[in-house]
PDB file of N, CA and C in Angstrom:
ATOM      1  N   MET A   1     -22.979 -18.352   9.489  1.00  0.00           N
ATOM      2  CA  MET A   1     -21.487 -17.614   9.734  1.00  0.00           C
ATOM      3  C   MET A   1     -21.188 -17.256   8.310  1.00  0.00           C
ATOM      4  N   THR A   2     -20.898 -16.335   7.902  1.00  0.00           N
ATOM      5  CA  THR A   2     -20.458 -16.091   6.246  1.00  0.00           C
ATOM      6  C   THR A   2     -18.772 -16.453   6.225  1.00  0.00           C
ATOM      7  N   THR A   3     -18.816 -16.386   5.327  1.00  0.00           N
ATOM      8  CA  THR A   3     -17.264 -16.595   4.714  1.00  0.00           C
ATOM      9  C   THR A   3     -16.930 -15.207   5.093  1.00  0.00           C
ATOM     10  N   PRO A   4     -16.730 -14.229   4.198  1.00  0.00           N
ATOM     11  CA  PRO A   4     -15.810 -12.464   5.234  1.00  0.00           C
ATOM     12  C   PRO A   4     -15.806 -12.602   6.837  1.00  0.00           C
ATOM     13  N   LEU A   5     -17.155 -13.011   7.214  1.00  0.00           N
ATOM     14  CA  LEU A   5     -17.221 -12.752   9.115  1.00  0.00           C
ATOM     15  C   LEU A   5     -16.338 -13.876   9.574  1.00  0.00           C
ATOM     16  N   PHE A   6     -15.931 -15.117   9.077  1.00  0.00           N
ATOM     17  CA  PHE A   6     -15.630 -16.052   9.662  1.00  0.00           C
ATOM     18  C   PHE A   6     -13.627 -15.989   9.336  1.00  0.00           C
ATOM     19  N   LEU A   7     -13.827 -15.430   7.989  1.00  0.00           N
ATOM     20  CA  LEU A   7     -12.422 -14.539   7.974  1.00  0.00           C
ATOM     21  C   LEU A   7     -11.892 -13.398   8.861  1.00  0.00           C
ATOM     22  N   LEU A   8     -13.005 -12.547   9.392  1.00  0.00           N
ATOM     23  CA  LEU A   8     -13.035 -11.956  10.439  1.00  0.00           C
ATOM     24  C   LEU A   8     -12.297 -12.279  11.430  1.00  0.00           C
ATOM     25  N   ARG A   9     -12.949 -13.231  11.565  1.00  0.00           N
ATOM     26  CA  ARG A   9     -12.671 -13.743  13.528  1.00  0.00           C
ATOM     27  C   ARG A   9     -11.108 -14.307  13.113  1.00  0.00           C
ATOM     28  N   CYS A  10     -11.001 -15.179  11.929  1.00  0.00           N
ATOM     29  CA  CYS A  10      -9.487 -15.363  12.012  1.00  0.00           C
ATOM     30  C   CYS A  10      -8.627 -14.533  12.326  1.00  0.00           C
ATOM     31  N   VAL A  11      -9.065 -13.313  11.692  1.00  0.00           N
ATOM     32  CA  VAL A  11      -7.662 -12.086  11.205  1.00  0.00           C
ATOM     33  C   VAL A  11      -7.785 -11.687  12.570  1.00  0.00           C
ATOM     34  N   GLN A  12      -8.784 -11.405  13.675  1.00  0.00           N
ATOM     35  CA  GLN A  12      -9.059 -11.241  15.241  1.00  0.00           C
ATOM     36  C   GLN A  12      -7.997 -12.171  16.117  1.00  0.00           C
ATOM     37  N   LEU A  13      -8.072 -13.363  15.723  1.00  0.00           N
ATOM     38  CA  LEU A  13      -7.210 -14.375  16.191  1.00  0.00           C
ATOM     39  C   LEU A  13      -5.941 -14.233  15.954  1.00  0.00           C
ATOM     40  N   GLY A  14      -5.778 -13.474  14.653  1.00  0.00           N
ATOM     41  CA  GLY A  14      -4.366 -13.653  14.669  1.00  0.00           C
ATOM     42  C   GLY A  14      -3.169 -14.483  13.585  1.00  0.00           C
ATOM     43  N   LEU A  15      -4.690 -15.707  13.609  1.00  0.00           N
ATOM     44  CA  LEU A  15      -4.764 -16.395  12.607  1.00  0.00           C
ATOM     45  C   LEU A  15      -3.872 -16.486  11.005  1.00  0.00           C
ATOM     46  N   SER A  16      -2.846 -17.399  10.607  1.00  0.00           N
ATOM     47  CA  SER A  16      -2.476 -17.130   9.149  1.00  0.00           C
ATOM     48  C   SER A  16      -3.458 -18.388   7.949  1.00  0.00           C
ATOM     49  N   MET A  17      -3.408 -18.289   6.829  1.00  0.00           N
ATOM     50  CA  MET A  17      -3.642 -18.966   6.138  1.00  0.00           C
ATOM     51  C   MET A  17      -3.131 -20.541   6.034  1.00  0.00           C
ATOM     52  N   ALA A  18      -1.793 -20.305   7.023  1.00  0.00           N
ATOM     53  CA  ALA A  18      -1.267 -21.577   6.997  1.00  0.00           C
ATOM     54  C   ALA A  18      -2.134 -22.307   7.854  1.00  0.00           C
ATOM     55  N   ASP A  19      -2.440 -21.816   8.717  1.00  0.00           N
ATOM     56  CA  ASP A  19      -3.153 -21.932   9.964  1.00  0.00           C
ATOM     57  C   ASP A  19      -4.093 -22.553  10.294  1.00  0.00           C
ATOM     58  N   LEU A  20      -5.191 -22.060   9.010  1.00  0.00           N
ATOM     59  CA  LEU A  20      -6.441 -22.522   9.171  1.00  0.00           C
ATOM     60  C   LEU A  20      -6.258 -23.980   7.644  1.00  0.00           C
ATOM     61  N   GLU A  21      -5.085 -24.181   7.831  1.00  0.00           N
ATOM     62  CA  GLU A  21      -5.202 -25.911   7.255  1.00  0.00           C
ATOM     63  C   GLU A  21      -5.183 -26.985   8.078  1.00  0.00           C
ATOM     64  N   LEU A  22      -4.755 -26.400   9.774  1.00  0.00           N
ATOM     65  CA  LEU A  22      -4.567 -26.994  10.570  1.00  0.00           C
ATOM     66  C   LEU A  22      -5.926 -27.211  11.592  1.00  0.00           C
ATOM     67  N   LEU A  23      -6.359 -26.355  11.383  1.00  0.00           N
ATOM     68  CA  LEU A  23      -7.964 -25.971  12.453  1.00  0.00           C
ATOM     69  C   LEU A  23      -9.318 -25.930  11.718  1.00  0.00           C
ATOM     70  N   SER A  24     -10.243 -26.824  12.567  1.00  0.00           N
ATOM     71  CA  SER A  24     -11.297 -26.995  11.679  1.00  0.00           C
ATOM     72  C   SER A  24     -11.871 -25.352  12.442  1.00  0.00           C
ATOM     73  N   ILE A  25     -13.490 -25.782  11.314  1.00  0.00           N
ATOM     74  CA  ILE A  25     -13.605 -24.488  11.111  1.00  0.00           C
ATOM     75  C   ILE A  25     -14.306 -23.876  13.311  1.00  0.00           C
ATOM     76  N   GLY A  26     -14.927 -25.321  13.706  1.00  0.00           N
ATOM     77  CA  GLY A  26     -15.743 -25.823  15.141  1.00  0.00           C
ATOM     78  C   GLY A  26     -14.234 -25.024  16.230  1.00  0.00           C
ATOM     79  N   LEU A  27     -13.329 -24.601  15.541  1.00  0.00           N
ATOM     80  CA  LEU A  27     -12.248 -25.497  16.708  1.00  0.00           C
ATOM     81  C   LEU A  27     -11.968 -23.449  17.037  1.00  0.00           C
ATOM     82  N   ILE A  28     -11.684 -22.552  15.332  1.00  0.00           N
ATOM     83  CA  ILE A  28     -11.346 -21.358  15.447  1.00  0.00           C
ATOM     84  C   ILE A  28     -12.859 -20.729  16.271  1.00  0.00           C
ATOM     85  N   ASN A  29     -13.856 -21.135  15.958  1.00  0.00           N
ATOM     86  CA  ASN A  29     -15.183 -20.720  16.109  1.00  0.00           C
ATOM     87  C   ASN A  29     -15.540 -20.602  17.908  1.00  0.00           C
ATOM     88  N   ASP A  30     -14.686 -21.839  18.579  1.00  0.00           N
ATOM     89  CA  ASP A  30     -14.372 -21.700  19.949  1.00  0.00           C
ATOM     90  C   ASP A  30     -13.495 -21.185  20.752  1.00  0.00           C
ATOM     91  N   MET A  31     -12.198 -20.686  19.520  1.00  0.00           N
ATOM     92  CA  MET A  31     -10.781 -19.960  20.099  1.00  0.00           C
ATOM     93  C   MET A  31     -11.932 -19.080  20.442  1.00  0.00           C
ATOM     94  N   TYR A  32     -12.200 -18.052  18.946  1.00  0.00           N
ATOM     95  CA  TYR A  32     -12.789 -16.504  19.416  1.00  0.00           C
ATOM     96  C   TYR A  32     -13.790 -16.702  20.482  1.00  0.00           C
ATOM     97  N   CYS A  33     -14.179 -17.846  20.231  1.00  0.00           N
ATOM     98  CA  CYS A  33     -15.194 -17.509  21.658  1.00  0.00           C
ATOM     99  C   CYS A  33     -14.879 -17.540  23.207  1.00  0.00           C
ATOM    100  N   GLU A  34     -13.424 -18.688  23.204  1.00  0.00           N
ATOM    101  CA  GLU A  34     -12.962 -18.407  24.936  1.00  0.00           C
ATOM    102  C   GLU A  34     -12.456 -17.045  24.516  1.00  0.00           C
ATOM    103  N   SER A  35     -11.695 -16.730  23.429  1.00  0.00           N
ATOM    104  CA  SER A  35     -10.913 -14.846  23.553  1.00  0.00           C
ATOM    105  C   SER A  35     -11.766 -13.419  24.548  1.00  0.00           C
ATOM    106  N   MET A  36     -13.198 -14.195  23.632  1.00  0.00           N
ATOM    107  CA  MET A  36     -13.985 -13.350  24.495  1.00  0.00           C
ATOM    108  C   MET A  36     -14.025 -13.304  25.865  1.00  0.00           C
ATOM    109  N   ASN A  37     -13.807 -14.421  26.341  1.00  0.00           N
ATOM    110  CA  ASN A  37     -14.253 -14.683  27.592  1.00  0.00           C
ATOM    111  C   ASN A  37     -12.860 -14.211  28.599  1.00  0.00           C
ATOM    112  N   ASP A  38     -11.765 -13.725  27.729  1.00  0.00           N
ATOM    113  CA  ASP A  38     -10.411 -13.671  28.688  1.00  0.00           C
ATOM    114  C   ASP A  38     -10.336 -12.061  29.003  1.00  0.00           C
ATOM    115  N   THR A  39     -11.408 -11.277  28.285  1.00  0.00           N
ATOM    116  CA  THR A  39     -12.004  -9.772  28.489  1.00  0.00           C
ATOM    117  C   THR A  39     -12.722  -9.569  29.125  1.00  0.00           C
ATOM    118  N   TYR A  40     -13.216 -10.747  29.473  1.00  0.00           N
ATOM    119  CA  TYR A  40     -14.942 -10.365  30.798  1.00  0.00           C
ATOM    120  C   TYR A  40     -14.413 -10.018  31.711  1.00  0.00           C
ATOM    121  N   SER A  41     -14.970  -8.969  32.527  1.00  0.00           N
ATOM    122  CA  SER A  41     -14.640  -8.260  33.939  1.00  0.00           C
ATOM    123  C   SER A  41     -15.562 -10.030  34.822  1.00  0.00           C
ATOM    124  N   TYR A  42     -15.375 -10.501  35.625  1.00  0.00           N
ATOM    125  CA  TYR A  42     -16.001 -11.111  36.247  1.00  0.00           C
ATOM    126  C   TYR A  42     -16.028 -10.660  38.095  1.00  0.00           C
ATOM    127  N   ALA A  43     -17.229 -10.536  38.520  1.00  0.00           N
ATOM    128  CA  ALA A  43     -17.724  -9.485  39.309  1.00  0.00           C
ATOM    129  C   ALA A  43     -16.811 -10.245  40.653  1.00  0.00           C
ATOM    130  N   VAL A  44     -17.649 -11.724  40.943  1.00  0.00           N
ATOM    131  CA  VAL A  44     -16.508 -12.306  42.244  1.00  0.00           C
ATOM    132  C   VAL A  44     -15.614 -13.752  41.421  1.00  0.00           C
ATOM    133  N   LEU A  45     -14.219 -13.864  42.370  1.00  0.00           N
ATOM    134  CA  LEU A  45     -13.806 -14.790  42.584  1.00  0.00           C
ATOM    135  C   LEU A  45     -13.501 -15.647  43.461  1.00  0.00           C
ATOM    136  N   GLY A  46     -13.551 -17.124  43.099  1.00  0.00           N
ATOM    137  CA  GLY A  46     -13.564 -17.726  44.131  1.00  0.00           C
ATOM    138  C   GLY A  46     -12.516 -17.794  45.546  1.00  0.00           C
ATOM    139  N   ASP A  47     -12.015 -17.803  46.379  1.00  0.00           N
ATOM    140  CA  ASP A  47     -10.792 -18.272  46.792  1.00  0.00           C
ATOM    141  C   ASP A  47     -10.405 -19.159  47.763  1.00  0.00           C
ATOM    142  N   GLN A  48      -9.832 -19.756  48.685  1.00  0.00           N
ATOM    143  CA  GLN A  48      -9.796 -20.982  48.858  1.00  0.00           C
ATOM    144  C   GLN A  48     -10.747 -21.474  49.248  1.00  0.00           C
ATOM    145  N   ALA A  49     -11.161 -20.850  50.463  1.00  0.00           N
ATOM    146  CA  ALA A  49     -12.454 -20.707  51.089  1.00  0.00           C
ATOM    147  C   ALA A  49     -13.906 -21.884  50.493  1.00  0.00           C
ATOM    148  N   ALA A  50     -13.993 -20.596  49.677  1.00  0.00           N
ATOM    149  CA  ALA A  50     -15.118 -20.754  48.226  1.00  0.00           C
ATOM    150  C   ALA A  50     -14.774 -22.641  47.401  1.00  0.00           C
ATOM    151  N   MET A  51     -13.484 -22.585  47.242  1.00  0.00           N
ATOM    152  CA  MET A  51     -13.122 -23.689  46.817  1.00  0.00           C
ATOM    153  C   MET A  51     -13.253 -25.146  47.838  1.00  0.00           C
ATOM    154  N   ASP A  52     -12.963 -24.926  48.675  1.00  0.00           N
ATOM    155  CA  ASP A  52     -12.849 -25.407  50.505  1.00  0.00           C
ATOM    156  C   ASP A  52     -14.299 -26.056  50.607  1.00  0.00           C
ATOM    157  N   ALA A  53     -15.392 -25.235  50.620  1.00  0.00           N
ATOM    158  CA  ALA A  53     -16.670 -25.521  50.481  1.00  0.00           C
ATOM    159  C   ALA A  53     -17.399 -26.177  49.374  1.00  0.00           C
ATOM    160  N   PHE A  54     -16.972 -25.694  48.259  1.00  0.00           N
ATOM    161  CA  PHE A  54     -17.535 -26.212  47.074  1.00  0.00           C
ATOM    162  C   PHE A  54     -17.410 -28.049  46.365  1.00  0.00           C
TER     163      PHE A  54
END
């Protein structure tokens, strides 16, 4: 990952330069990956019966 790409990810997450002092590079990468999961449309959601069977 290059510095410009890292900073782009920070901007996409809405992080400020002050936030970067408190967060590690790995945590920011994880936050970006999780933010992409938020917009993913899952085909099937489990219901209570599926959770009970699990």
